[in-house]
Amino acid sequence: MEREHQIIQRVYEAKGDNRKADDLIRDYIPFIRSEASKCIGRVCTEQDDTYSIAMIAFHEAIQGYAKGRGAFLPYAALRIRSRIIDFQRKEARHQGDLSLHEESGEDGQSMLDTLADPRDHFEQTALRDATWQEIQELSAVMAEFGVSFSDVADHSPKQERTLEACGAAIRYAAENRALLEELLRTKKLPLAQLAAGSGAERKTLERHRKYVLAMLLIQTNGYEIIRGHLKRVLNRKGGMAG
């Protein structure tokens, strides 16, 4: 967690300082080359066009990054892969449509028919990596509050009415950023405020304190992937903040 904070600090410092941006890029050349290699399916060398494209994409990631986007490196990886995939598609178009549509082999299929769209694979891989990064970060933050994922599972509401009550408290907190900031500052769940503001019974929130706490932590630090997943799941059951 501390390492990620250090990276983010360096990123923000590099936004307005070209020298610091160059230093950051140089320190992360192994990461940049690794992401480029994944895209082209072999080791990326300095002679490859994709190497330069990956370097440019990493610099763009520095300039475009904001804390609300989650961890920096998964974000940078997405930018690198997106840039390289765009480049690969342009290169394919420059080779001419005829070669792509010309039938080859006994089955009469064209090259275009047999080519799988690389975007799906790379986007799925990037999403998986970014999700895992978010889970690791969230787990570390939850540990600071004395909560684990198993605790959340054990204290999750089982009845629809209880889930709706907890969901109302979560929505209320998500719409009141000062309450979330207080939670992070004091590391205590403001049960009285949640109950008064959402209309949920305090006893209900107390019984499911660890579940509510975890859901509120997800609202505080840009866990877009996790939050989006929970929103889809819990909206079907009636209880997640937007």
Protein backbone atom coordinates (compact mmCIF):
# COMPACT_ATOMS: atom_id res chain seq x y z
CA MET A 1 0.00 0.00 0.00
CA GLU A 2 2.86 2.35 0.91
CA ARG A 3 4.55 1.59 -2.41
CA GLU A 4 1.39 2.58 -4.30
CA HIS A 5 1.21 5.86 -2.37
CA GLN A 6 4.82 6.57 -3.34
CA ILE A 7 4.08 5.89 -7.01
CA ILE A 8 1.05 8.18 -6.97
CA GLN A 9 3.09 10.93 -5.29
CA ARG A 10 5.75 10.63 -7.98
CA VAL A 11 3.10 10.70 -10.71
CA TYR A 12 1.61 13.94 -9.43
CA GLU A 13 5.05 15.49 -9.10
CA ALA A 14 5.86 14.41 -12.67
CA LYS A 15 2.77 16.06 -14.14
CA GLY A 16 4.37 19.48 -14.05
CA ASP A 17 8.04 18.55 -14.12
CA ASN A 18 9.49 17.01 -17.28
CA ARG A 19 12.66 15.92 -15.51
CA LYS A 20 10.69 14.03 -12.88
CA ALA A 21 8.51 12.55 -15.62
CA ASP A 22 11.63 11.30 -17.42
CA ASP A 23 12.97 9.84 -14.18
CA LEU A 24 9.69 8.04 -13.52
CA ILE A 25 9.56 6.63 -17.04
CA ARG A 26 13.18 5.47 -16.81
CA ASP A 27 12.54 3.72 -13.47
CA TYR A 28 9.55 1.88 -14.94
CA ILE A 29 11.07 0.82 -18.25
CA PRO A 30 10.94 -2.89 -17.17
CA PHE A 31 7.21 -2.50 -16.51
CA ILE A 32 6.65 -0.65 -19.81
CA ARG A 33 8.58 -3.24 -21.80
CA SER A 34 6.74 -6.07 -20.04
CA GLU A 35 3.33 -4.63 -20.94
CA ALA A 36 4.45 -4.09 -24.55
CA SER A 37 5.75 -7.65 -24.72
CA LYS A 38 2.39 -9.01 -23.59
CA CYS A 39 0.70 -7.15 -26.42
CA ILE A 40 2.98 -8.35 -29.22
CA GLY A 41 3.39 -11.89 -27.89
CA ARG A 42 7.19 -11.78 -27.70
CA VAL A 43 9.98 -9.87 -26.01
CA CYS A 44 9.78 -6.19 -26.93
CA THR A 45 13.13 -4.62 -27.78
CA GLU A 46 14.16 -1.00 -28.09
CA GLN A 47 14.13 -1.41 -31.86
CA ASP A 48 10.41 -2.22 -31.91
CA ASP A 49 7.94 0.52 -32.79
CA THR A 50 5.76 -0.75 -29.97
CA TYR A 51 8.51 0.11 -27.47
CA SER A 52 8.33 3.80 -28.37
CA ILE A 53 4.54 3.68 -28.41
CA ALA A 54 4.50 2.12 -24.93
CA MET A 55 6.83 4.83 -23.63
CA ILE A 56 4.57 7.54 -25.03
CA ALA A 57 1.49 5.83 -23.58
CA PHE A 58 3.12 5.67 -20.14
CA HIS A 59 3.81 9.40 -20.32
CA GLU A 60 0.19 9.96 -21.34
CA ALA A 61 -0.87 7.88 -18.34
CA ILE A 62 1.14 10.18 -16.07
CA GLN A 63 -0.57 13.25 -17.48
CA GLY A 64 -4.05 11.71 -17.49
CA TYR A 65 -3.99 9.95 -14.14
CA ALA A 66 -6.22 10.97 -11.23
CA LYS A 67 -6.62 9.25 -7.88
CA GLY A 68 -10.23 8.42 -8.66
CA ARG A 69 -9.00 6.06 -11.38
CA GLY A 70 -7.64 3.60 -8.84
CA ALA A 71 -4.07 2.28 -8.75
CA PHE A 72 -1.69 3.91 -11.22
CA LEU A 73 0.08 0.90 -12.74
CA PRO A 74 -3.09 -0.93 -13.87
CA TYR A 75 -4.27 2.36 -15.37
CA ALA A 76 -0.94 2.82 -17.17
CA ALA A 77 -1.10 -0.78 -18.42
CA LEU A 78 -4.51 -0.12 -19.97
CA ARG A 79 -3.19 3.00 -21.71
CA ILE A 80 -0.18 1.11 -23.07
CA ARG A 81 -2.25 -1.79 -24.36
CA SER A 82 -4.85 0.48 -25.90
CA ARG A 83 -2.18 2.45 -27.75
CA ILE A 84 -0.43 -0.65 -29.05
CA ILE A 85 -3.66 -2.28 -30.18
CA ASP A 86 -4.58 0.89 -32.08
CA PHE A 87 -1.15 0.84 -33.72
CA GLN A 88 -1.49 -2.83 -34.68
CA ARG A 89 -4.85 -2.20 -36.29
CA LYS A 90 -3.53 0.75 -38.29
CA GLU A 91 -0.60 -1.34 -39.46
CA ALA A 92 -2.99 -4.10 -40.54
CA ARG A 93 -5.07 -1.62 -42.54
CA HIS A 94 -1.96 -0.26 -44.24
CA GLN A 95 -1.14 -3.74 -45.49
CA GLY A 96 -4.25 -3.59 -47.65
CA ASP A 97 -7.73 -5.02 -47.45
CA LEU A 98 -7.06 -7.49 -50.26
CA SER A 99 -4.61 -9.54 -48.26
CA LEU A 100 -7.03 -9.71 -45.36
CA HIS A 101 -10.01 -10.82 -47.41
CA GLU A 102 -8.19 -13.09 -49.84
CA GLU A 103 -9.20 -16.70 -49.35
CA SER A 104 -6.48 -19.04 -48.18
CA GLY A 105 -6.38 -22.73 -47.34
CA GLU A 106 -8.71 -25.53 -48.21
CA ASP A 107 -11.57 -24.27 -46.06
CA GLY A 108 -11.87 -21.09 -48.13
CA GLN A 109 -11.60 -18.83 -45.10
CA SER A 110 -9.96 -15.44 -45.41
CA MET A 111 -7.21 -14.23 -43.15
CA LEU A 112 -9.72 -11.83 -41.59
CA ASP A 113 -11.97 -14.76 -40.73
CA THR A 114 -9.21 -16.55 -38.90
CA LEU A 115 -7.81 -13.57 -37.02
CA ALA A 116 -9.11 -13.24 -33.47
CA ASP A 117 -9.67 -9.72 -32.26
CA PRO A 118 -6.78 -9.13 -29.84
CA ARG A 119 -8.69 -6.41 -28.02
CA ASP A 120 -10.91 -8.85 -26.13
CA HIS A 121 -7.96 -10.85 -24.81
CA PHE A 122 -5.91 -7.84 -23.79
CA GLU A 123 -8.84 -5.99 -22.27
CA GLN A 124 -9.83 -9.06 -20.27
CA THR A 125 -6.26 -9.52 -19.07
CA ALA A 126 -5.96 -5.86 -18.14
CA LEU A 127 -9.30 -5.93 -16.34
CA ARG A 128 -8.29 -9.04 -14.41
CA ASP A 129 -4.98 -7.45 -13.38
CA ALA A 130 -6.66 -4.19 -12.38
CA THR A 131 -9.33 -6.05 -10.41
CA TRP A 132 -6.72 -8.06 -8.54
CA GLN A 133 -4.83 -4.87 -7.75
CA GLU A 134 -8.00 -3.26 -6.37
CA ILE A 135 -8.76 -6.34 -4.25
CA GLN A 136 -5.26 -6.30 -2.77
CA GLU A 137 -5.49 -2.60 -1.98
CA LEU A 138 -8.96 -2.93 -0.48
CA SER A 139 -7.85 -5.89 1.64
CA ALA A 140 -4.97 -3.81 3.05
CA VAL A 141 -7.27 -0.87 3.85
CA MET A 142 -9.86 -3.16 5.46
CA ALA A 143 -7.13 -4.69 7.62
CA GLU A 144 -6.42 -1.24 9.05
CA PHE A 145 -10.05 -1.23 10.25
CA GLY A 146 -9.85 -4.78 11.60
CA VAL A 147 -12.05 -6.25 8.87
CA SER A 148 -11.38 -9.12 6.46
CA PHE A 149 -13.28 -10.44 3.46
CA SER A 150 -14.36 -13.46 5.51
CA ASP A 151 -15.79 -11.08 8.13
CA VAL A 152 -17.79 -9.35 5.40
CA ALA A 153 -19.16 -12.69 4.20
CA ASP A 154 -20.09 -13.72 7.75
CA HIS A 155 -21.86 -10.42 8.48
CA SER A 156 -23.60 -9.92 5.14
CA PRO A 157 -27.38 -9.43 5.40
CA LYS A 158 -29.30 -12.60 4.62
CA GLN A 159 -32.81 -11.15 4.47
CA GLU A 160 -33.97 -8.73 1.77
CA ARG A 161 -35.36 -6.27 4.31
CA THR A 162 -32.05 -6.16 6.16
CA LEU A 163 -30.12 -5.78 2.91
CA GLU A 164 -32.34 -2.85 1.94
CA ALA A 165 -31.74 -1.19 5.34
CA CYS A 166 -27.97 -1.56 5.03
CA GLY A 167 -28.16 -0.36 1.42
CA ALA A 168 -30.00 2.77 2.53
CA ALA A 169 -27.22 3.53 5.02
CA ILE A 170 -24.55 2.93 2.37
CA ARG A 171 -26.32 5.22 -0.11
CA TYR A 172 -26.68 7.92 2.52
CA ALA A 173 -22.97 7.77 3.32
CA ALA A 174 -21.98 7.76 -0.36
CA GLU A 175 -23.92 10.98 -0.86
CA ASN A 176 -22.29 12.62 2.19
CA ARG A 177 -18.56 12.73 1.57
CA ALA A 178 -17.91 14.41 4.92
CA LEU A 179 -19.19 11.29 6.64
CA LEU A 180 -16.82 9.09 4.64
CA GLU A 181 -13.94 11.42 5.45
CA GLU A 182 -14.81 11.16 9.13
CA LEU A 183 -14.79 7.37 8.83
CA LEU A 184 -11.28 7.42 7.36
CA ARG A 185 -10.07 9.92 9.95
CA THR A 186 -11.48 8.23 13.07
CA LYS A 187 -11.52 4.65 11.78
CA LYS A 188 -14.90 4.29 13.49
CA LEU A 189 -18.24 3.61 11.83
CA PRO A 190 -20.58 6.57 12.59
CA LEU A 191 -23.58 4.38 13.39
CA ALA A 192 -25.69 7.14 14.95
CA GLN A 193 -25.32 9.39 11.89
CA LEU A 194 -25.97 6.52 9.49
CA ALA A 195 -29.11 5.47 11.33
CA ALA A 196 -30.45 9.01 11.64
CA GLY A 197 -29.68 9.94 8.04
CA SER A 198 -30.88 6.75 6.35
CA GLY A 199 -33.76 5.73 8.56
CA ALA A 200 -32.21 2.32 9.17
CA GLU A 201 -32.39 0.91 12.70
CA ARG A 202 -29.14 1.28 14.57
CA LYS A 203 -29.38 -2.30 15.89
CA THR A 204 -29.55 -3.58 12.31
CA LEU A 205 -26.44 -1.62 11.36
CA GLU A 206 -24.63 -2.80 14.49
CA ARG A 207 -25.33 -6.45 13.66
CA HIS A 208 -23.92 -5.94 10.16
CA ARG A 209 -21.26 -3.39 11.09
CA LYS A 210 -18.37 -5.12 9.28
CA TYR A 211 -20.40 -5.53 6.10
CA VAL A 212 -21.46 -1.86 6.13
CA LEU A 213 -17.93 -0.76 6.96
CA ALA A 214 -16.48 -2.66 3.99
CA MET A 215 -19.10 -1.24 1.64
CA LEU A 216 -18.30 2.28 2.81
CA LEU A 217 -14.56 1.77 2.38
CA ILE A 218 -15.24 0.77 -1.22
CA GLN A 219 -16.91 4.16 -1.67
CA THR A 220 -13.88 6.10 -0.47
CA ASN A 221 -10.91 5.37 -2.69
CA GLY A 222 -11.72 4.89 -6.35
CA TYR A 223 -12.44 1.17 -6.37
CA GLU A 224 -14.40 1.54 -9.60
CA ILE A 225 -14.22 -2.10 -10.68
CA ILE A 226 -15.26 -3.56 -7.34
CA ARG A 227 -17.91 -0.89 -6.81
CA GLY A 228 -19.35 -1.46 -10.26
CA HIS A 229 -19.55 -5.20 -9.71
CA LEU A 230 -21.22 -4.84 -6.32
CA LYS A 231 -23.64 -2.29 -7.69
CA ARG A 232 -24.80 -4.72 -10.37
CA VAL A 233 -25.13 -7.58 -7.90
CA LEU A 234 -26.75 -5.70 -5.05
CA ASN A 235 -29.05 -3.60 -7.17
CA ARG A 236 -30.71 -6.84 -8.18
CA LYS A 237 -31.27 -7.47 -4.48
CA GLY A 238 -32.16 -3.90 -3.61
CA GLY A 239 -29.24 -2.49 -1.71
CA MET A 240 -26.16 -0.73 -3.12
CA ALA A 241 -25.04 2.82 -3.41
CA GLY A 242 -24.77 4.40 -6.83
